[in-house]
Amino acid sequence: MKTIRWNPKTGEVANFDKLLSLLEDRESTLKKIAYYIRCSNDYQVVVDYYRQKIIDHKGCVGAMVAFDNLQHLPNLMTGYKERFILSTF
């Protein structure tokens, strides 16, 4: 199990285990997932996860949900996260 990593100089927090468990949890909301994105690596993990779901489901319902999540995720990145993600990608 990975531990939470915190950089006191930048305030970046990374906890991939928590993020991945939220992605796998069917009850988890996209807003909750967006809350746990703390750096560009976290954002990339989420994007790669949804891209893989689209490939796995080959156009079925799961792919449509994953595509919708990819479309709406940036809208949930507010404040410093939004500026950070937009400047990073």
C-alpha atoms as a PDB file:
ATOM      1  CA  MET A   1       0.000   0.000   0.000  1.00  0.00           C
ATOM      2  CA  LYS A   2       1.338   3.406  -0.951  1.00  0.00           C
ATOM      3  CA  THR A   3       1.501   6.118   1.630  1.00  0.00           C
ATOM      4  CA  ILE A   4       0.358   9.687   1.191  1.00  0.00           C
ATOM      5  CA  ARG A   5       3.177  11.823  -0.146  1.00  0.00           C
ATOM      6  CA  TRP A   6       3.149  15.523   0.724  1.00  0.00           C
ATOM      7  CA  ASN A   7       5.530  18.185  -0.496  1.00  0.00           C
ATOM      8  CA  PRO A   8       5.401  21.042   2.041  1.00  0.00           C
ATOM      9  CA  LYS A   9       7.047  23.491  -0.376  1.00  0.00           C
ATOM     10  CA  THR A  10       4.417  23.111  -3.100  1.00  0.00           C
ATOM     11  CA  GLY A  11       1.528  21.686  -1.083  1.00  0.00           C
ATOM     12  CA  GLU A  12       1.237  18.752  -3.509  1.00  0.00           C
ATOM     13  CA  VAL A  13      -0.323  15.628  -2.067  1.00  0.00           C
ATOM     14  CA  ALA A  14      -0.317  12.294  -3.878  1.00  0.00           C
ATOM     15  CA  ASN A  15      -2.146   9.170  -2.844  1.00  0.00           C
ATOM     16  CA  PHE A  16      -2.670   6.927  -5.844  1.00  0.00           C
ATOM     17  CA  ASP A  17      -4.187   4.098  -3.801  1.00  0.00           C
ATOM     18  CA  LYS A  18      -7.039   6.300  -2.605  1.00  0.00           C
ATOM     19  CA  LEU A  19      -7.585   7.674  -6.116  1.00  0.00           C
ATOM     20  CA  LEU A  20      -7.579   4.224  -7.715  1.00  0.00           C
ATOM     21  CA  SER A  21      -9.939   2.824  -5.095  1.00  0.00           C
ATOM     22  CA  LEU A  22     -12.328   5.710  -5.793  1.00  0.00           C
ATOM     23  CA  LEU A  23     -12.146   5.003  -9.527  1.00  0.00           C
ATOM     24  CA  GLU A  24     -13.012   1.346  -8.943  1.00  0.00           C
ATOM     25  CA  ASP A  25     -15.835   2.147  -6.503  1.00  0.00           C
ATOM     26  CA  ARG A  26     -19.162   2.159  -8.370  1.00  0.00           C
ATOM     27  CA  GLU A  27     -20.703   4.416  -5.708  1.00  0.00           C
ATOM     28  CA  SER A  28     -18.007   7.055  -6.091  1.00  0.00           C
ATOM     29  CA  THR A  29     -18.955  10.293  -7.816  1.00  0.00           C
ATOM     30  CA  LEU A  30     -16.877  12.143 -10.378  1.00  0.00           C
ATOM     31  CA  LYS A  31     -16.846  15.135  -8.029  1.00  0.00           C
ATOM     32  CA  LYS A  32     -15.267  13.007  -5.285  1.00  0.00           C
ATOM     33  CA  ILE A  33     -12.643  11.744  -7.746  1.00  0.00           C
ATOM     34  CA  ALA A  34     -11.858  15.318  -8.830  1.00  0.00           C
ATOM     35  CA  TYR A  35     -11.395  16.261  -5.170  1.00  0.00           C
ATOM     36  CA  TYR A  36      -8.589  13.709  -4.768  1.00  0.00           C
ATOM     37  CA  ILE A  37      -6.642  14.886  -7.820  1.00  0.00           C
ATOM     38  CA  ARG A  38      -3.710  16.798  -6.358  1.00  0.00           C
ATOM     39  CA  CYS A  39      -1.133  16.908  -9.148  1.00  0.00           C
ATOM     40  CA  SER A  40      -0.695  16.314 -12.862  1.00  0.00           C
ATOM     41  CA  ASN A  41       0.278  12.675 -12.249  1.00  0.00           C
ATOM     42  CA  ASP A  42      -3.032  12.068 -10.470  1.00  0.00           C
ATOM     43  CA  TYR A  43      -4.902  13.706 -13.327  1.00  0.00           C
ATOM     44  CA  GLN A  44      -3.050  11.535 -15.848  1.00  0.00           C
ATOM     45  CA  VAL A  45      -3.895   8.382 -13.866  1.00  0.00           C
ATOM     46  CA  VAL A  46      -7.605   9.270 -14.027  1.00  0.00           C
ATOM     47  CA  VAL A  47      -7.487  10.095 -17.747  1.00  0.00           C
ATOM     48  CA  ASP A  48      -5.639   6.852 -18.523  1.00  0.00           C
ATOM     49  CA  TYR A  49      -8.144   4.886 -16.425  1.00  0.00           C
ATOM     50  CA  TYR A  50     -11.131   6.253 -18.342  1.00  0.00           C
ATOM     51  CA  ARG A  51      -9.394   5.831 -21.691  1.00  0.00           C
ATOM     52  CA  GLN A  52      -8.767   2.176 -20.864  1.00  0.00           C
ATOM     53  CA  LYS A  53     -12.429   1.731 -19.883  1.00  0.00           C
ATOM     54  CA  ILE A  54     -13.449   3.107 -23.293  1.00  0.00           C
ATOM     55  CA  ILE A  55     -11.151   0.591 -25.010  1.00  0.00           C
ATOM     56  CA  ASP A  56     -12.305  -2.300 -22.795  1.00  0.00           C
ATOM     57  CA  HIS A  57     -16.021  -1.724 -23.363  1.00  0.00           C
ATOM     58  CA  LYS A  58     -15.736  -1.176 -27.140  1.00  0.00           C
ATOM     59  CA  GLY A  59     -18.584   1.307 -27.362  1.00  0.00           C
ATOM     60  CA  CYS A  60     -20.935  -0.252 -24.800  1.00  0.00           C
ATOM     61  CA  VAL A  61     -22.494   1.483 -21.813  1.00  0.00           C
ATOM     62  CA  GLY A  62     -19.253   1.491 -19.779  1.00  0.00           C
ATOM     63  CA  ALA A  63     -17.448   3.279 -22.583  1.00  0.00           C
ATOM     64  CA  MET A  64     -20.180   5.900 -22.835  1.00  0.00           C
ATOM     65  CA  VAL A  65     -19.964   6.565 -19.083  1.00  0.00           C
ATOM     66  CA  ALA A  66     -16.153   6.740 -19.212  1.00  0.00           C
ATOM     67  CA  PHE A  67     -16.284   9.132 -22.171  1.00  0.00           C
ATOM     68  CA  ASP A  68     -18.798  11.343 -20.345  1.00  0.00           C
ATOM     69  CA  ASN A  69     -16.558  11.354 -17.269  1.00  0.00           C
ATOM     70  CA  LEU A  70     -13.565  12.382 -19.379  1.00  0.00           C
ATOM     71  CA  GLN A  71     -15.617  15.231 -20.840  1.00  0.00           C
ATOM     72  CA  HIS A  72     -16.852  16.530 -17.465  1.00  0.00           C
ATOM     73  CA  LEU A  73     -13.781  16.005 -15.271  1.00  0.00           C
ATOM     74  CA  PRO A  74     -12.083  19.320 -16.237  1.00  0.00           C
ATOM     75  CA  ASN A  75     -15.297  21.197 -15.353  1.00  0.00           C
ATOM     76  CA  LEU A  76     -14.995  19.905 -11.786  1.00  0.00           C
ATOM     77  CA  MET A  77     -11.411  21.088 -11.434  1.00  0.00           C
ATOM     78  CA  THR A  78     -12.031  24.451  -9.801  1.00  0.00           C
ATOM     79  CA  GLY A  79      -9.752  27.082  -8.362  1.00  0.00           C
ATOM     80  CA  TYR A  80      -6.066  26.292  -8.141  1.00  0.00           C
ATOM     81  CA  LYS A  81      -6.588  22.787  -9.513  1.00  0.00           C
ATOM     82  CA  GLU A  82      -8.179  24.092 -12.687  1.00  0.00           C
ATOM     83  CA  ARG A  83      -5.358  26.574 -13.273  1.00  0.00           C
ATOM     84  CA  PHE A  84      -2.770  23.910 -12.460  1.00  0.00           C
ATOM     85  CA  ILE A  85      -4.256  21.296 -14.780  1.00  0.00           C
ATOM     86  CA  LEU A  86      -4.849  23.747 -17.634  1.00  0.00           C
ATOM     87  CA  SER A  87      -1.298  25.070 -17.388  1.00  0.00           C
ATOM     88  CA  THR A  88       0.123  21.542 -17.218  1.00  0.00           C
ATOM     89  CA  PHE A  89      -1.700  20.099 -20.218  1.00  0.00           C
END
